[in-house]
């Protein structure tokens, strides 16, 4: 298990690299990660949000609305 990505450790790496907002949904703990080093867009429609859900206690899948 030490070679698998942990969302609590990698959430800020993902949002910083791709300049997105990441929402992680889980029955145990849901989290939202915001980019720390980039300036937010002036228009709220320019925000890119990625939502992932934790399923079967070991997989993440993208959640689409």
PDB file of N, CA and C in Angstrom:
ATOM      1  N   UNK A   1       0.797  -1.196   0.000  1.00  0.00           N
ATOM      2  CA  UNK A   1       0.000   0.000   0.000  1.00  0.00           C
ATOM      3  C   UNK A   1       0.846   1.271   0.000  1.00  0.00           C
ATOM      4  N   UNK A   2       2.121   1.210   0.261  1.00  0.00           N
ATOM      5  CA  UNK A   2       2.933   2.416   0.367  1.00  0.00           C
ATOM      6  C   UNK A   2       3.188   3.072  -0.984  1.00  0.00           C
ATOM      7  N   UNK A   3       2.829   2.454  -2.097  1.00  0.00           N
ATOM      8  CA  UNK A   3       3.056   3.041  -3.412  1.00  0.00           C
ATOM      9  C   UNK A   3       1.794   3.664  -4.003  1.00  0.00           C
ATOM     10  N   UNK A   4       0.693   3.659  -3.272  1.00  0.00           N
ATOM     11  CA  UNK A   4      -0.556   4.220  -3.761  1.00  0.00           C
ATOM     12  C   UNK A   4      -0.667   5.690  -3.358  1.00  0.00           C
ATOM     13  N   UNK A   5      -1.367   6.446  -4.198  1.00  0.00           N
ATOM     14  CA  UNK A   5      -1.575   7.869  -3.938  1.00  0.00           C
ATOM     15  C   UNK A   5      -2.612   8.050  -2.828  1.00  0.00           C
ATOM     16  N   UNK A   6      -2.312   8.894  -1.873  1.00  0.00           N
ATOM     17  CA  UNK A   6      -3.212   9.225  -0.793  1.00  0.00           C
ATOM     18  C   UNK A   6      -3.759  10.628  -1.074  1.00  0.00           C
ATOM     19  N   UNK A   7      -5.081  10.780  -1.150  1.00  0.00           N
ATOM     20  CA  UNK A   7      -5.659  12.068  -1.537  1.00  0.00           C
ATOM     21  C   UNK A   7      -5.329  13.171  -0.540  1.00  0.00           C
ATOM     22  N   UNK A   8      -5.213  12.853   0.732  1.00  0.00           N
ATOM     23  CA  UNK A   8      -4.867  13.894   1.702  1.00  0.00           C
ATOM     24  C   UNK A   8      -3.449  14.411   1.501  1.00  0.00           C
ATOM     25  N   UNK A   9      -2.565  13.567   0.995  1.00  0.00           N
ATOM     26  CA  UNK A   9      -1.191  13.984   0.714  1.00  0.00           C
ATOM     27  C   UNK A   9      -1.051  14.643  -0.657  1.00  0.00           C
ATOM     28  N   UNK A  10      -1.808  14.171  -1.643  1.00  0.00           N
ATOM     29  CA  UNK A  10      -1.623  14.599  -3.028  1.00  0.00           C
ATOM     30  C   UNK A  10      -2.639  15.625  -3.524  1.00  0.00           C
ATOM     31  N   UNK A  11      -3.648  15.953  -2.713  1.00  0.00           N
ATOM     32  CA  UNK A  11      -4.679  16.891  -3.161  1.00  0.00           C
ATOM     33  C   UNK A  11      -4.111  18.230  -3.591  1.00  0.00           C
ATOM     34  N   UNK A  12      -3.231  18.813  -2.793  1.00  0.00           N
ATOM     35  CA  UNK A  12      -2.658  20.115  -3.140  1.00  0.00           C
ATOM     36  C   UNK A  12      -1.683  20.023  -4.307  1.00  0.00           C
ATOM     37  N   UNK A  13      -1.051  18.899  -4.481  1.00  0.00           N
ATOM     38  CA  UNK A  13      -0.175  18.709  -5.643  1.00  0.00           C
ATOM     39  C   UNK A  13      -1.010  18.717  -6.919  1.00  0.00           C
ATOM     40  N   UNK A  14      -2.144  18.037  -6.898  1.00  0.00           N
ATOM     41  CA  UNK A  14      -3.022  17.974  -8.071  1.00  0.00           C
ATOM     42  C   UNK A  14      -3.566  19.353  -8.414  1.00  0.00           C
ATOM     43  N   UNK A  15      -4.098  20.071  -7.424  1.00  0.00           N
ATOM     44  CA  UNK A  15      -4.703  21.375  -7.722  1.00  0.00           C
ATOM     45  C   UNK A  15      -3.659  22.415  -8.118  1.00  0.00           C
ATOM     46  N   UNK A  16      -2.467  22.329  -7.566  1.00  0.00           N
ATOM     47  CA  UNK A  16      -1.418  23.269  -7.940  1.00  0.00           C
ATOM     48  C   UNK A  16      -0.928  23.019  -9.358  1.00  0.00           C
ATOM     49  N   UNK A  17      -0.808  21.763  -9.725  1.00  0.00           N
ATOM     50  CA  UNK A  17      -0.325  21.424 -11.064  1.00  0.00           C
ATOM     51  C   UNK A  17      -1.336  21.795 -12.146  1.00  0.00           C
ATOM     52  N   UNK A  18      -2.614  21.493 -11.922  1.00  0.00           N
ATOM     53  CA  UNK A  18      -3.633  21.684 -12.953  1.00  0.00           C
ATOM     54  C   UNK A  18      -4.488  22.939 -12.742  1.00  0.00           C
ATOM     55  N   UNK A  19      -4.240  23.689 -11.681  1.00  0.00           N
ATOM     56  CA  UNK A  19      -4.947  24.930 -11.381  1.00  0.00           C
ATOM     57  C   UNK A  19      -6.469  24.728 -11.407  1.00  0.00           C
ATOM     58  N   UNK A  20      -6.928  23.758 -10.648  1.00  0.00           N
ATOM     59  CA  UNK A  20      -8.349  23.426 -10.537  1.00  0.00           C
ATOM     60  C   UNK A  20      -8.743  23.395  -9.065  1.00  0.00           C
ATOM     61  N   UNK A  21     -10.033  23.320  -8.824  1.00  0.00           N
ATOM     62  CA  UNK A  21     -10.547  23.075  -7.482  1.00  0.00           C
ATOM     63  C   UNK A  21     -10.918  21.604  -7.437  1.00  0.00           C
ATOM     64  N   UNK A  22     -10.463  20.900  -6.425  1.00  0.00           N
ATOM     65  CA  UNK A  22     -10.706  19.462  -6.306  1.00  0.00           C
ATOM     66  C   UNK A  22     -11.616  19.194  -5.121  1.00  0.00           C
ATOM     67  N   UNK A  23     -12.710  18.472  -5.387  1.00  0.00           N
ATOM     68  CA  UNK A  23     -13.636  18.072  -4.339  1.00  0.00           C
ATOM     69  C   UNK A  23     -13.538  16.555  -4.226  1.00  0.00           C
ATOM     70  N   UNK A  24     -13.234  16.074  -3.044  1.00  0.00           N
ATOM     71  CA  UNK A  24     -13.124  14.644  -2.781  1.00  0.00           C
ATOM     72  C   UNK A  24     -14.264  14.235  -1.846  1.00  0.00           C
ATOM     73  N   UNK A  25     -15.114  13.329  -2.317  1.00  0.00           N
ATOM     74  CA  UNK A  25     -16.269  12.881  -1.538  1.00  0.00           C
ATOM     75  C   UNK A  25     -16.040  11.470  -1.025  1.00  0.00           C
ATOM     76  N   UNK A  26     -16.336  11.263   0.241  1.00  0.00           N
ATOM     77  CA  UNK A  26     -16.156   9.962   0.872  1.00  0.00           C
ATOM     78  C   UNK A  26     -17.132   9.844   2.027  1.00  0.00           C
ATOM     79  N   UNK A  27     -17.490   8.622   2.386  1.00  0.00           N
ATOM     80  CA  UNK A  27     -18.355   8.423   3.553  1.00  0.00           C
ATOM     81  C   UNK A  27     -17.638   8.778   4.847  1.00  0.00           C
ATOM     82  N   UNK A  28     -16.311   8.626   4.880  1.00  0.00           N
ATOM     83  CA  UNK A  28     -15.544   8.918   6.084  1.00  0.00           C
ATOM     84  C   UNK A  28     -15.214  10.394   6.219  1.00  0.00           C
ATOM     85  N   UNK A  29     -14.781  11.031   5.102  1.00  0.00           N
ATOM     86  CA  UNK A  29     -14.347  12.420   5.172  1.00  0.00           C
ATOM     87  C   UNK A  29     -14.357  13.025   3.773  1.00  0.00           C
ATOM     88  N   UNK A  30     -15.047  14.125   3.608  1.00  0.00           N
ATOM     89  CA  UNK A  30     -15.045  14.851   2.348  1.00  0.00           C
ATOM     90  C   UNK A  30     -14.143  16.071   2.484  1.00  0.00           C
ATOM     91  N   UNK A  31     -13.427  16.408   1.401  1.00  0.00           N
ATOM     92  CA  UNK A  31     -12.469  17.506   1.452  1.00  0.00           C
ATOM     93  C   UNK A  31     -12.547  18.339   0.177  1.00  0.00           C
ATOM     94  N   UNK A  32     -12.188  19.605   0.279  1.00  0.00           N
ATOM     95  CA  UNK A  32     -12.070  20.497  -0.862  1.00  0.00           C
ATOM     96  C   UNK A  32     -10.660  21.081  -0.844  1.00  0.00           C
ATOM     97  N   UNK A  33     -10.002  21.035  -2.000  1.00  0.00           N
ATOM     98  CA  UNK A  33      -8.653  21.570  -2.138  1.00  0.00           C
ATOM     99  C   UNK A  33      -8.680  22.727  -3.127  1.00  0.00           C
ATOM    100  N   UNK A  34      -8.052  23.841  -2.745  1.00  0.00           N
ATOM    101  CA  UNK A  34      -7.939  25.017  -3.604  1.00  0.00           C
ATOM    102  C   UNK A  34      -6.473  25.242  -3.942  1.00  0.00           C
ATOM    103  N   UNK A  35      -6.185  25.751  -5.159  1.00  0.00           N
ATOM    104  CA  UNK A  35      -4.785  26.064  -5.498  1.00  0.00           C
ATOM    105  C   UNK A  35      -4.223  27.107  -4.536  1.00  0.00           C
ATOM    106  N   UNK A  36      -2.995  26.930  -4.125  1.00  0.00           N
ATOM    107  CA  UNK A  36      -2.385  27.825  -3.152  1.00  0.00           C
ATOM    108  C   UNK A  36      -1.508  28.890  -3.788  1.00  0.00           C
ATOM    109  N   UNK A  37      -1.015  28.645  -4.981  1.00  0.00           N
ATOM    110  CA  UNK A  37      -0.006  29.549  -5.541  1.00  0.00           C
ATOM    111  C   UNK A  37      -0.473  30.350  -6.739  1.00  0.00           C
ATOM    112  N   UNK A  38      -1.658  30.080  -7.243  1.00  0.00           N
ATOM    113  CA  UNK A  38      -2.121  30.812  -8.415  1.00  0.00           C
ATOM    114  C   UNK A  38      -3.214  31.798  -8.016  1.00  0.00           C
ATOM    115  N   UNK A  39      -3.344  32.836  -8.820  1.00  0.00           N
ATOM    116  CA  UNK A  39      -4.366  33.835  -8.563  1.00  0.00           C
ATOM    117  C   UNK A  39      -5.707  33.305  -9.065  1.00  0.00           C
ATOM    118  N   UNK A  40      -6.771  33.460  -8.293  1.00  0.00           N
ATOM    119  CA  UNK A  40      -8.067  32.971  -8.759  1.00  0.00           C
ATOM    120  C   UNK A  40      -8.561  33.773  -9.956  1.00  0.00           C
ATOM    121  N   UNK A  41      -9.305  33.122 -10.854  1.00  0.00           N
ATOM    122  CA  UNK A  41      -9.853  33.860 -12.000  1.00  0.00           C
ATOM    123  C   UNK A  41     -10.811  34.956 -11.528  1.00  0.00           C
ATOM    124  N   UNK A  42     -10.866  36.044 -12.276  1.00  0.00           N
ATOM    125  CA  UNK A  42     -11.758  37.142 -11.912  1.00  0.00           C
ATOM    126  C   UNK A  42     -13.208  36.795 -12.205  1.00  0.00           C
ATOM    127  N   UNK A  43     -13.453  35.946 -13.196  1.00  0.00           N
ATOM    128  CA  UNK A  43     -14.805  35.529 -13.549  1.00  0.00           C
ATOM    129  C   UNK A  43     -15.073  34.162 -12.934  1.00  0.00           C
ATOM    130  N   UNK A  44     -16.147  34.041 -12.171  1.00  0.00           N
ATOM    131  CA  UNK A  44     -16.425  32.767 -11.482  1.00  0.00           C
ATOM    132  C   UNK A  44     -16.737  31.632 -12.453  1.00  0.00           C
ATOM    133  N   UNK A  45     -17.110  31.948 -13.691  1.00  0.00           N
ATOM    134  CA  UNK A  45     -17.383  30.900 -14.675  1.00  0.00           C
ATOM    135  C   UNK A  45     -16.099  30.249 -15.185  1.00  0.00           C
ATOM    136  N   UNK A  46     -14.966  30.843 -14.913  1.00  0.00           N
ATOM    137  CA  UNK A  46     -13.687  30.294 -15.356  1.00  0.00           C
ATOM    138  C   UNK A  46     -13.117  29.255 -14.388  1.00  0.00           C
ATOM    139  N   UNK A  47     -13.733  29.090 -13.231  1.00  0.00           N
ATOM    140  CA  UNK A  47     -13.260  28.096 -12.275  1.00  0.00           C
ATOM    141  C   UNK A  47     -13.504  26.694 -12.825  1.00  0.00           C
ATOM    142  N   UNK A  48     -12.526  25.844 -12.712  1.00  0.00           N
ATOM    143  CA  UNK A  48     -12.666  24.454 -13.125  1.00  0.00           C
ATOM    144  C   UNK A  48     -12.697  23.597 -11.865  1.00  0.00           C
ATOM    145  N   UNK A  49     -13.791  22.894 -11.674  1.00  0.00           N
ATOM    146  CA  UNK A  49     -13.964  22.061 -10.491  1.00  0.00           C
ATOM    147  C   UNK A  49     -13.957  20.603 -10.931  1.00  0.00           C
ATOM    148  N   UNK A  50     -13.157  19.792 -10.257  1.00  0.00           N
ATOM    149  CA  UNK A  50     -13.149  18.348 -10.477  1.00  0.00           C
ATOM    150  C   UNK A  50     -13.645  17.697  -9.202  1.00  0.00           C
ATOM    151  N   UNK A  51     -14.632  16.844  -9.348  1.00  0.00           N
ATOM    152  CA  UNK A  51     -15.214  16.158  -8.198  1.00  0.00           C
ATOM    153  C   UNK A  51     -14.935  14.664  -8.335  1.00  0.00           C
ATOM    154  N   UNK A  52     -14.339  14.082  -7.299  1.00  0.00           N
ATOM    155  CA  UNK A  52     -14.061  12.650  -7.307  1.00  0.00           C
ATOM    156  C   UNK A  52     -14.721  12.008  -6.092  1.00  0.00           C
ATOM    157  N   UNK A  53     -15.128  10.785  -6.258  1.00  0.00           N
ATOM    158  CA  UNK A  53     -15.745  10.045  -5.166  1.00  0.00           C
ATOM    159  C   UNK A  53     -14.918   8.817  -4.825  1.00  0.00           C
ATOM    160  N   UNK A  54     -14.851   8.506  -3.554  1.00  0.00           N
ATOM    161  CA  UNK A  54     -14.102   7.347  -3.063  1.00  0.00           C
ATOM    162  C   UNK A  54     -15.076   6.181  -2.944  1.00  0.00           C
ATOM    163  N   UNK A  55     -14.854   5.117  -3.717  1.00  0.00           N
ATOM    164  CA  UNK A  55     -15.774   3.979  -3.734  1.00  0.00           C
ATOM    165  C   UNK A  55     -15.038   2.689  -3.390  1.00  0.00           C
ATOM    166  N   UNK A  56     -15.765   1.756  -2.827  1.00  0.00           N
ATOM    167  CA  UNK A  56     -15.237   0.437  -2.462  1.00  0.00           C
ATOM    168  C   UNK A  56     -14.004   0.507  -1.569  1.00  0.00           C
ATOM    169  N   UNK A  57     -13.848   1.599  -0.839  1.00  0.00           N
ATOM    170  CA  UNK A  57     -12.734   1.799   0.103  1.00  0.00           C
ATOM    171  C   UNK A  57     -11.353   1.763  -0.521  1.00  0.00           C
ATOM    172  N   UNK A  58     -11.248   1.818  -1.858  1.00  0.00           N
ATOM    173  CA  UNK A  58      -9.909   1.804  -2.435  1.00  0.00           C
ATOM    174  C   UNK A  58      -9.798   2.415  -3.832  1.00  0.00           C
ATOM    175  N   UNK A  59     -10.862   2.967  -4.390  1.00  0.00           N
ATOM    176  CA  UNK A  59     -10.798   3.553  -5.722  1.00  0.00           C
ATOM    177  C   UNK A  59     -11.421   4.946  -5.716  1.00  0.00           C
ATOM    178  N   UNK A  60     -10.893   5.815  -6.565  1.00  0.00           N
ATOM    179  CA  UNK A  60     -11.480   7.123  -6.793  1.00  0.00           C
ATOM    180  C   UNK A  60     -12.025   7.171  -8.211  1.00  0.00           C
ATOM    181  N   UNK A  61     -13.242   7.681  -8.366  1.00  0.00           N
ATOM    182  CA  UNK A  61     -13.854   7.848  -9.686  1.00  0.00           C
ATOM    183  C   UNK A  61     -14.343   9.288  -9.800  1.00  0.00           C
ATOM    184  N   UNK A  62     -14.356   9.788 -11.040  1.00  0.00           N
ATOM    185  CA  UNK A  62     -14.839  11.147 -11.269  1.00  0.00           C
ATOM    186  C   UNK A  62     -16.357  11.167 -11.187  1.00  0.00           C
ATOM    187  N   UNK A  63     -16.887  12.156 -10.481  1.00  0.00           N
ATOM    188  CA  UNK A  63     -18.323  12.324 -10.315  1.00  0.00           C
ATOM    189  C   UNK A  63     -18.747  13.462 -11.236  1.00  0.00           C
ATOM    190  N   UNK A  64     -19.701  13.187 -12.124  1.00  0.00           N
ATOM    191  CA  UNK A  64     -20.222  14.212 -13.025  1.00  0.00           C
ATOM    192  C   UNK A  64     -21.650  14.543 -12.640  1.00  0.00           C
ATOM    193  N   UNK A  65     -21.976  15.830 -12.700  1.00  0.00           N
ATOM    194  CA  UNK A  65     -23.340  16.261 -12.354  1.00  0.00           C
ATOM    195  C   UNK A  65     -24.228  16.222 -13.568  1.00  0.00           C
TER     196      UNK A  65
END
